[in-house]
Amino acid sequence: MKKIRICVNDLMQTDYVYYLTEPVGENFHPDFRPELTPREMLELGVFGGKYLTDCRGEFPEEWFANARLCHERHVPELNFFGVNASKPLSYWREKGWIHSDDPRGWFQWYCRYYLGRRCADDPRQIKRWRAMARHIAQLRKNCPEGHLACRRKQRQALLHWAYDSRKI
């Protein structure tokens, strides 16, 4: 595959350049098997709809065709489980979890990874994704199968990390 150059100019990055080196949605690290694509996540409702609203040009238009978004503010009712399962970006920055290449956090990293970018931060982000799996065990232990109203905040958090708890 020929490398494709992407130049980002949005509210959080100016003249940031990265390259797509893998086919879209393919050649993921063997330890990274997300259950949802970025498009599916946006359609289901994540981050209260307040995500990627100023940088749509960087990503495929079809991701946004049925996305549940609100440019003005975070609206928990737009989330699939109808609850707020997010911390503010300031919290993530304070914890040191934000990498300069992806100032919006894990989901921005995942969107770019899905498109075919590979970078030095991949191992850390994949490790963070894998750590979320502990919540799946808690749902299985504490919720009847298919009971989506059980632990909605935990389910929404999993959805933010591309885990599909609707199957549990």
Protein backbone atom coordinates (compact mmCIF):
# COMPACT_ATOMS: atom_id res chain seq x y z
CA MET A 1 0.00 0.00 0.00
CA LYS A 2 1.24 3.46 -0.87
CA LYS A 3 1.63 5.81 2.12
CA ILE A 4 -1.08 8.45 2.22
CA ARG A 5 -0.23 11.80 3.82
CA ILE A 6 -2.86 13.40 6.07
CA CYS A 7 -2.50 17.02 7.23
CA VAL A 8 -4.74 18.06 10.12
CA ASN A 9 -5.89 21.62 10.80
CA ASP A 10 -8.69 21.81 13.35
CA LEU A 11 -9.38 23.43 16.71
CA MET A 12 -6.89 21.18 18.52
CA GLN A 13 -4.13 20.61 15.95
CA THR A 14 -2.50 22.81 13.34
CA ASP A 15 -0.31 21.42 10.57
CA TYR A 16 -0.18 18.00 12.24
CA VAL A 17 0.88 15.41 9.66
CA TYR A 18 0.54 11.65 9.79
CA TYR A 19 0.64 8.84 7.27
CA LEU A 20 -1.72 5.99 6.54
CA THR A 21 0.39 2.90 5.99
CA GLU A 22 -2.19 0.11 6.34
CA PRO A 23 -5.51 -0.57 4.60
CA VAL A 24 -8.59 0.83 6.35
CA GLY A 25 -9.81 -1.52 9.11
CA GLU A 26 -7.07 -4.09 8.50
CA ASN A 27 -3.75 -5.34 9.82
CA PHE A 28 -4.46 -4.58 13.47
CA HIS A 29 -2.05 -5.69 16.16
CA PRO A 30 -3.00 -9.26 17.23
CA ASP A 31 -3.77 -8.05 20.77
CA PHE A 32 -6.18 -5.40 19.50
CA ARG A 33 -9.57 -6.67 18.37
CA PRO A 34 -12.17 -3.93 18.87
CA GLU A 35 -15.77 -5.09 18.50
CA LEU A 36 -17.04 -1.85 16.98
CA THR A 37 -15.79 0.39 14.21
CA PRO A 38 -15.55 4.15 14.72
CA ARG A 39 -18.60 4.57 12.47
CA GLU A 40 -20.63 2.10 14.56
CA MET A 41 -19.60 3.86 17.75
CA LEU A 42 -20.67 7.27 16.43
CA GLU A 43 -23.99 5.84 15.22
CA LEU A 44 -24.70 4.19 18.57
CA GLY A 45 -23.89 7.33 20.51
CA VAL A 46 -20.67 7.99 22.38
CA PHE A 47 -19.18 10.87 24.37
CA GLY A 48 -22.50 12.67 24.57
CA GLY A 49 -22.25 13.48 20.88
CA LYS A 50 -19.49 16.00 21.54
CA TYR A 51 -16.66 14.36 19.67
CA LEU A 52 -15.04 14.97 16.28
CA THR A 53 -17.56 17.72 15.56
CA ASP A 54 -14.91 20.20 14.36
CA CYS A 55 -12.69 17.76 12.46
CA ARG A 56 -15.07 15.79 10.26
CA GLY A 57 -12.98 16.50 7.18
CA GLU A 58 -10.22 14.22 8.46
CA PHE A 59 -12.47 11.17 8.54
CA PRO A 60 -14.74 9.42 6.02
CA GLU A 61 -18.03 11.24 5.52
CA GLU A 62 -19.98 7.97 5.88
CA TRP A 63 -18.89 7.81 9.53
CA PHE A 64 -21.07 10.85 10.16
CA ALA A 65 -24.13 9.99 8.04
CA ASN A 66 -26.05 8.60 11.04
CA ALA A 67 -23.81 9.79 13.88
CA ARG A 68 -25.41 11.09 17.06
CA LEU A 69 -23.59 14.41 17.46
CA CYS A 70 -24.06 17.76 19.15
CA HIS A 71 -21.52 20.43 18.26
CA GLU A 72 -22.56 22.77 21.06
CA ARG A 73 -22.29 20.58 24.15
CA HIS A 74 -22.09 17.11 25.70
CA VAL A 75 -25.60 15.57 25.77
CA PRO A 76 -25.70 12.29 27.75
CA GLU A 77 -29.07 11.39 26.20
CA LEU A 78 -27.27 10.98 22.85
CA ASN A 79 -25.25 8.11 24.32
CA PHE A 80 -26.60 4.64 23.55
CA PHE A 81 -27.20 3.94 27.24
CA GLY A 82 -28.43 7.49 27.92
CA VAL A 83 -25.94 8.19 30.71
CA ASN A 84 -22.78 10.22 31.10
CA ALA A 85 -19.81 7.88 31.29
CA SER A 86 -17.16 10.48 30.42
CA LYS A 87 -14.60 12.48 32.31
CA PRO A 88 -13.64 15.91 30.98
CA LEU A 89 -10.55 16.18 28.80
CA SER A 90 -8.86 18.14 31.60
CA TYR A 91 -9.07 15.01 33.79
CA TRP A 92 -7.40 12.87 31.10
CA ARG A 93 -4.66 15.49 30.70
CA GLU A 94 -4.05 15.62 34.47
CA LYS A 95 -3.62 11.84 34.52
CA GLY A 96 -1.08 12.04 31.69
CA TRP A 97 -3.19 9.83 29.43
CA ILE A 98 -3.22 12.20 26.46
CA HIS A 99 -0.48 11.84 23.85
CA SER A 100 0.43 14.94 21.86
CA ASP A 101 -0.31 13.17 18.55
CA ASP A 102 -3.93 12.60 19.63
CA PRO A 103 -5.00 15.53 21.83
CA ARG A 104 -8.63 14.32 21.94
CA GLY A 105 -7.64 11.00 23.49
CA TRP A 106 -8.11 7.31 22.88
CA PHE A 107 -11.00 7.53 20.42
CA GLN A 108 -9.06 9.89 18.16
CA TRP A 109 -6.14 7.46 18.29
CA TYR A 110 -8.51 4.60 17.42
CA CYS A 111 -10.07 6.48 14.49
CA ARG A 112 -6.64 7.16 13.04
CA TYR A 113 -5.45 3.62 13.73
CA TYR A 114 -8.56 2.25 12.03
CA LEU A 115 -7.84 4.41 8.98
CA GLY A 116 -4.34 2.93 8.77
CA ARG A 117 -2.03 5.12 10.82
CA ARG A 118 0.54 3.31 12.92
CA CYS A 119 2.62 5.21 15.45
CA ALA A 120 4.88 4.88 18.48
CA ASP A 121 1.92 5.31 20.86
CA ASP A 122 0.13 2.19 19.58
CA PRO A 123 1.41 -0.24 22.27
CA ARG A 124 0.31 2.07 25.11
CA GLN A 125 -3.13 2.66 23.62
CA ILE A 126 -3.68 -1.04 22.95
CA LYS A 127 -2.67 -1.80 26.55
CA ARG A 128 -5.23 0.78 27.78
CA TRP A 129 -7.90 -0.79 25.56
CA ARG A 130 -7.15 -4.28 26.91
CA ALA A 131 -7.39 -3.01 30.50
CA MET A 132 -11.05 -2.10 29.92
CA ALA A 133 -11.90 -5.80 29.53
CA ARG A 134 -12.14 -6.11 33.33
CA HIS A 135 -15.49 -4.34 33.06
CA ILE A 136 -16.81 -7.15 30.88
CA ALA A 137 -16.16 -9.64 33.66
CA GLN A 138 -18.05 -7.40 36.10
CA LEU A 139 -21.05 -7.22 33.77
CA ARG A 140 -21.09 -10.99 33.32
CA LYS A 141 -20.88 -11.50 37.08
CA ASN A 142 -23.52 -8.93 38.06
CA CYS A 143 -26.00 -8.63 35.18
CA PRO A 144 -28.48 -11.09 33.70
CA GLU A 145 -27.65 -11.87 30.08
CA GLY A 146 -29.14 -9.33 27.68
CA HIS A 147 -30.31 -7.01 30.49
CA LEU A 148 -29.04 -3.75 29.00
CA ALA A 149 -30.38 -1.60 31.85
CA CYS A 150 -27.97 -3.27 34.26
CA ARG A 151 -24.86 -1.14 34.90
CA ARG A 152 -25.59 1.33 32.12
CA LYS A 153 -22.69 3.63 32.99
CA GLN A 154 -20.24 0.75 32.86
CA ARG A 155 -21.75 -0.41 29.56
CA GLN A 156 -21.47 3.09 28.09
CA ALA A 157 -17.83 3.29 29.19
CA LEU A 158 -17.16 0.01 27.40
CA LEU A 159 -18.86 1.39 24.30
CA HIS A 160 -16.46 4.36 24.42
CA TRP A 161 -13.64 1.82 24.10
CA ALA A 162 -15.16 -0.14 21.16
CA TYR A 163 -16.45 -3.02 23.30
CA ASP A 164 -20.02 -4.05 22.50
CA SER A 165 -21.67 -4.89 25.83
CA ARG A 166 -25.03 -5.40 24.08
CA LYS A 167 -23.81 -8.97 23.49
CA ILE A 168 -23.38 -9.65 27.24
